[in-house]
Amino acid sequence: MLVTRERSRLLGIASVVVLGLVVGGCAPAKAQPTPIMVFVTEAPAPSLTAAPSPTATPTATPTAAPTSAAESPSASATPAAPSLGAAVPSTSCTGNANNQSFWAQAAAAMRWNVYCPVLPDGWGVSATGGTFDYSGGGSLKILYSGPSGATLEIDEGAYCTTDADSCSPHSAVLGTAIFGDQQGSLDAIAGGGFAVYVSPGTAEAYALIGTGMSQDSLVAYAAAMARVARS
């Protein structure tokens, strides 16, 4: 009798354990909230390349005129700047249709003015791409690659709000420069390169940081930053 009772008690405990495992396994996992962001990436879609997807229906898209060997682009080429202070359609922004859509969406989403680059031939959005985030006042970051390894980083909005010194790292202040229709500080950055900062440390800040180019080129690119019209 003692053996039988002990065996029944052990079977009862095992049943509870098994039941607990089954019930626990059926509990749905809680979904984790994700930030609201738009990504511009090399691949997969949205693609930064002009080539259409193999399964997509071909559509006509505007392309830049080919550059001859005698007119090969350089990082020091001066861009054609839009009229100072005039808002431009996103189709004026350097890049393909996907990149221009990125600028249009960002301009429509943010309460502050969004500026895009208007660059000469040879420039395009890098494989790193860009993002914008609606939260915390909104912020935007995107990278461009140019001739001979030149790069441009564009930061806008509340991307850094600690303080002006922390949000505008530099090795020397060189003077002032125009960023679109705003005046900013022209700085040299450690390791080589130049930057133009506007209102660093605030929720409506702007930065254009360039490497692999002359100071004059960076100043010209900053002046050609165009305010994107809200659709």
Protein backbone atom coordinates (compact mmCIF):
# COMPACT_ATOMS: atom_id res chain seq x y z
CA MET A 1 0.00 0.00 0.00
CA LEU A 2 2.84 2.39 0.83
CA VAL A 3 4.47 1.73 -2.54
CA THR A 4 1.19 2.27 -4.37
CA ARG A 5 0.47 5.54 -2.59
CA GLU A 6 4.01 6.83 -3.19
CA ARG A 7 3.78 5.94 -6.85
CA SER A 8 0.43 7.76 -7.17
CA ARG A 9 1.85 10.85 -5.47
CA LEU A 10 4.86 10.94 -7.87
CA LEU A 11 2.62 10.51 -10.91
CA GLY A 12 0.50 13.42 -9.70
CA ILE A 13 3.55 15.69 -9.37
CA ALA A 14 4.76 14.72 -12.87
CA SER A 15 1.35 15.56 -14.30
CA VAL A 16 1.46 19.04 -12.77
CA VAL A 17 4.97 19.62 -14.16
CA VAL A 18 3.96 18.52 -17.67
CA LEU A 19 0.80 20.61 -17.55
CA GLY A 20 2.81 23.65 -16.44
CA LEU A 21 5.22 23.19 -19.35
CA VAL A 22 2.38 22.91 -21.85
CA VAL A 23 0.59 25.99 -20.53
CA GLY A 24 3.81 27.99 -20.36
CA GLY A 25 4.67 27.06 -23.92
CA CYS A 26 1.35 28.42 -25.17
CA ALA A 27 1.76 31.91 -23.69
CA PRO A 28 2.15 34.41 -26.54
CA ALA A 29 5.34 36.48 -26.58
CA LYS A 30 4.92 40.20 -26.02
CA ALA A 31 5.60 42.28 -29.11
CA GLN A 32 8.45 44.79 -28.63
CA PRO A 33 7.79 48.35 -29.84
CA THR A 34 9.99 49.55 -32.66
CA PRO A 35 10.99 53.12 -33.50
CA ILE A 36 9.41 54.72 -36.55
CA MET A 37 12.15 55.05 -39.13
CA VAL A 38 12.62 55.16 -42.87
CA PHE A 39 15.73 53.48 -44.22
CA VAL A 40 17.56 54.14 -47.46
CA THR A 41 19.65 51.09 -48.27
CA GLU A 42 21.70 49.74 -51.17
CA ALA A 43 19.78 46.46 -51.43
CA PRO A 44 17.19 45.02 -51.08
CA ALA A 45 14.50 47.54 -52.03
CA PRO A 46 14.35 50.44 -51.80
CA SER A 47 17.44 50.25 -53.96
CA LEU A 48 19.93 53.03 -54.43
CA THR A 49 20.87 51.74 -57.87
CA ALA A 50 19.15 52.85 -61.04
CA ALA A 51 18.74 49.25 -62.25
CA PRO A 52 15.15 47.97 -61.78
CA SER A 53 14.35 44.76 -59.94
CA PRO A 54 14.26 41.71 -62.29
CA THR A 55 10.57 41.27 -61.53
CA ALA A 56 9.62 44.95 -61.63
CA THR A 57 7.93 46.56 -64.61
CA PRO A 58 10.46 48.92 -66.22
CA THR A 59 9.60 52.60 -65.89
CA ALA A 60 11.24 55.63 -67.42
CA THR A 61 13.36 57.55 -64.90
CA PRO A 62 15.44 60.67 -65.53
CA THR A 63 19.17 60.02 -65.61
CA ALA A 64 22.13 62.35 -65.67
CA ALA A 65 23.91 62.89 -68.96
CA PRO A 66 26.99 60.67 -69.22
CA THR A 67 30.29 62.33 -68.39
CA SER A 68 32.97 62.18 -71.00
CA ALA A 69 36.50 61.16 -70.16
CA ALA A 70 37.59 64.77 -70.53
CA GLU A 71 34.93 65.86 -68.05
CA SER A 72 35.43 63.27 -65.33
CA PRO A 73 33.95 64.52 -62.04
CA SER A 74 36.12 65.55 -59.12
CA ALA A 75 35.39 66.21 -55.47
CA SER A 76 36.21 69.89 -56.01
CA ALA A 77 33.56 70.46 -58.69
CA THR A 78 31.22 73.31 -57.80
CA PRO A 79 27.52 72.31 -57.64
CA ALA A 80 24.79 74.37 -59.22
CA ALA A 81 23.18 76.02 -56.19
CA PRO A 82 19.43 76.76 -56.18
CA SER A 83 18.21 80.28 -55.55
CA LEU A 84 19.13 81.31 -52.00
CA GLY A 85 16.25 80.72 -49.61
CA ALA A 86 13.95 79.12 -52.18
CA ALA A 87 12.41 75.76 -51.32
CA VAL A 88 12.96 73.13 -54.02
CA PRO A 89 11.09 69.94 -54.92
CA SER A 90 12.71 66.73 -53.74
CA THR A 91 13.53 65.92 -57.36
CA SER A 92 16.28 68.54 -57.10
CA CYS A 93 18.08 66.48 -54.43
CA THR A 94 21.09 64.45 -55.52
CA GLY A 95 20.26 60.76 -55.92
CA ASN A 96 17.84 58.46 -57.70
CA ALA A 97 14.06 58.35 -57.36
CA ASN A 98 14.20 56.35 -54.12
CA ASN A 99 16.61 58.82 -52.55
CA GLN A 100 14.46 61.76 -53.63
CA SER A 101 11.40 60.07 -52.13
CA PHE A 102 13.33 59.78 -48.85
CA TRP A 103 13.85 63.57 -48.83
CA ALA A 104 10.20 64.25 -49.68
CA GLN A 105 8.96 62.02 -46.83
CA ALA A 106 11.37 63.58 -44.36
CA ALA A 107 10.37 67.13 -45.31
CA ALA A 108 6.68 66.28 -44.90
CA ALA A 109 7.23 64.59 -41.53
CA MET A 110 9.44 67.10 -39.71
CA ARG A 111 8.29 70.37 -38.15
CA TRP A 112 11.69 71.93 -38.90
CA ASN A 113 13.08 72.64 -42.37
CA VAL A 114 14.79 69.72 -44.08
CA TYR A 115 17.75 70.43 -46.37
CA CYS A 116 19.10 68.11 -49.06
CA PRO A 117 22.36 68.27 -51.04
CA VAL A 118 22.52 69.44 -54.65
CA LEU A 119 25.83 67.95 -55.76
CA PRO A 120 27.76 67.68 -59.05
CA ASP A 121 28.06 64.47 -61.06
CA GLY A 122 29.95 61.70 -59.33
CA TRP A 123 28.05 61.86 -56.04
CA GLY A 124 25.40 59.48 -54.74
CA VAL A 125 23.98 58.02 -51.53
CA SER A 126 26.51 55.62 -50.02
CA ALA A 127 25.87 51.96 -49.26
CA THR A 128 25.41 52.96 -45.59
CA GLY A 129 22.33 54.92 -46.67
CA GLY A 130 20.30 57.09 -44.34
CA THR A 131 17.50 57.17 -41.81
CA PHE A 132 15.07 59.62 -40.33
CA ASP A 133 13.24 59.25 -37.03
CA TYR A 134 10.02 61.02 -36.03
CA SER A 135 10.56 60.65 -32.27
CA GLY A 136 12.22 63.08 -29.86
CA GLY A 137 11.71 66.12 -32.04
CA GLY A 138 12.82 64.27 -35.17
CA SER A 139 16.26 63.64 -36.63
CA LEU A 140 17.84 62.70 -39.93
CA LYS A 141 21.18 61.22 -40.97
CA ILE A 142 22.41 60.27 -44.44
CA LEU A 143 25.78 59.61 -46.06
CA TYR A 144 26.94 60.41 -49.59
CA SER A 145 29.97 59.07 -51.46
CA GLY A 146 31.84 61.02 -54.11
CA PRO A 147 34.84 60.90 -56.43
CA SER A 148 38.20 59.63 -55.17
CA GLY A 149 36.75 58.40 -51.89
CA ALA A 150 35.27 61.74 -50.78
CA THR A 151 32.40 61.52 -48.32
CA LEU A 152 29.66 63.80 -46.97
CA GLU A 153 27.66 63.20 -43.80
CA ILE A 154 24.44 65.17 -43.28
CA ASP A 155 22.84 65.38 -39.83
CA GLU A 156 19.68 67.37 -39.16
CA GLY A 157 17.21 67.99 -36.34
CA ALA A 158 17.58 66.66 -32.79
CA TYR A 159 20.38 64.24 -33.66
CA CYS A 160 22.50 65.56 -30.75
CA THR A 161 21.19 67.80 -27.99
CA THR A 162 23.78 67.40 -25.23
CA ASP A 163 25.53 70.76 -25.69
CA ALA A 164 27.13 72.75 -28.51
CA ASP A 165 30.70 71.59 -27.82
CA SER A 166 29.79 67.89 -27.67
CA CYS A 167 27.58 68.12 -30.75
CA SER A 168 30.10 69.95 -32.98
CA PRO A 169 33.40 68.10 -32.56
CA HIS A 170 36.29 69.89 -34.29
CA SER A 171 39.97 70.63 -34.03
CA ALA A 172 39.71 74.31 -34.97
CA VAL A 173 37.14 76.97 -35.79
CA LEU A 174 38.00 78.48 -39.18
CA GLY A 175 35.26 81.08 -39.52
CA THR A 176 31.70 81.11 -40.85
CA ALA A 177 30.01 79.50 -43.85
CA ILE A 178 26.56 79.35 -45.41
CA PHE A 179 24.44 76.22 -45.05
CA GLY A 180 21.63 76.64 -47.58
CA ASP A 181 19.96 79.86 -46.41
CA GLN A 182 21.47 79.79 -42.90
CA GLN A 183 24.81 80.88 -41.50
CA GLY A 184 26.92 78.34 -39.67
CA SER A 185 30.37 77.77 -38.25
CA LEU A 186 33.12 76.46 -40.54
CA ASP A 187 35.35 74.07 -38.60
CA ALA A 188 38.28 71.76 -39.24
CA ILE A 189 37.70 68.26 -37.90
CA ALA A 190 40.25 65.94 -36.33
CA GLY A 191 41.80 63.44 -38.69
CA GLY A 192 41.30 65.66 -41.75
CA GLY A 193 38.21 67.18 -43.22
CA PHE A 194 35.85 70.10 -42.65
CA ALA A 195 32.38 70.70 -41.25
CA VAL A 196 29.70 73.36 -41.22
CA TYR A 197 27.57 73.39 -38.06
CA VAL A 198 24.32 75.32 -37.57
CA SER A 199 22.83 75.61 -34.03
CA PRO A 200 24.68 72.56 -32.66
CA GLY A 201 23.27 71.06 -29.47
CA THR A 202 19.70 72.13 -30.23
CA ALA A 203 16.64 70.24 -31.51
CA GLU A 204 16.92 72.05 -34.86
CA ALA A 205 20.58 71.63 -35.67
CA TYR A 206 22.34 70.97 -38.96
CA ALA A 207 25.75 69.56 -39.83
CA LEU A 208 27.55 68.87 -43.08
CA ILE A 209 30.79 66.97 -42.54
CA GLY A 210 33.12 66.27 -45.46
CA THR A 211 36.29 64.25 -45.92
CA GLY A 212 38.56 63.79 -48.93
CA MET A 213 37.98 67.32 -50.28
CA SER A 214 39.28 70.85 -50.00
CA GLN A 215 37.89 73.47 -47.66
CA ASP A 216 36.54 75.40 -50.65
CA SER A 217 34.65 72.34 -51.88
CA LEU A 218 33.00 71.72 -48.52
CA VAL A 219 32.00 75.39 -48.34
CA ALA A 220 30.48 75.16 -51.84
CA TYR A 221 28.54 71.98 -50.98
CA ALA A 222 27.20 73.56 -47.79
CA ALA A 223 26.03 76.65 -49.68
CA ALA A 224 24.23 74.37 -52.15
CA MET A 225 22.17 72.62 -49.45
CA ALA A 226 18.57 73.20 -50.57
CA ARG A 227 15.48 73.53 -48.38
CA VAL A 228 13.09 70.76 -49.46
CA ALA A 229 9.53 71.89 -50.18
CA ARG A 230 6.82 70.21 -48.13
CA SER A 231 4.34 68.36 -50.29
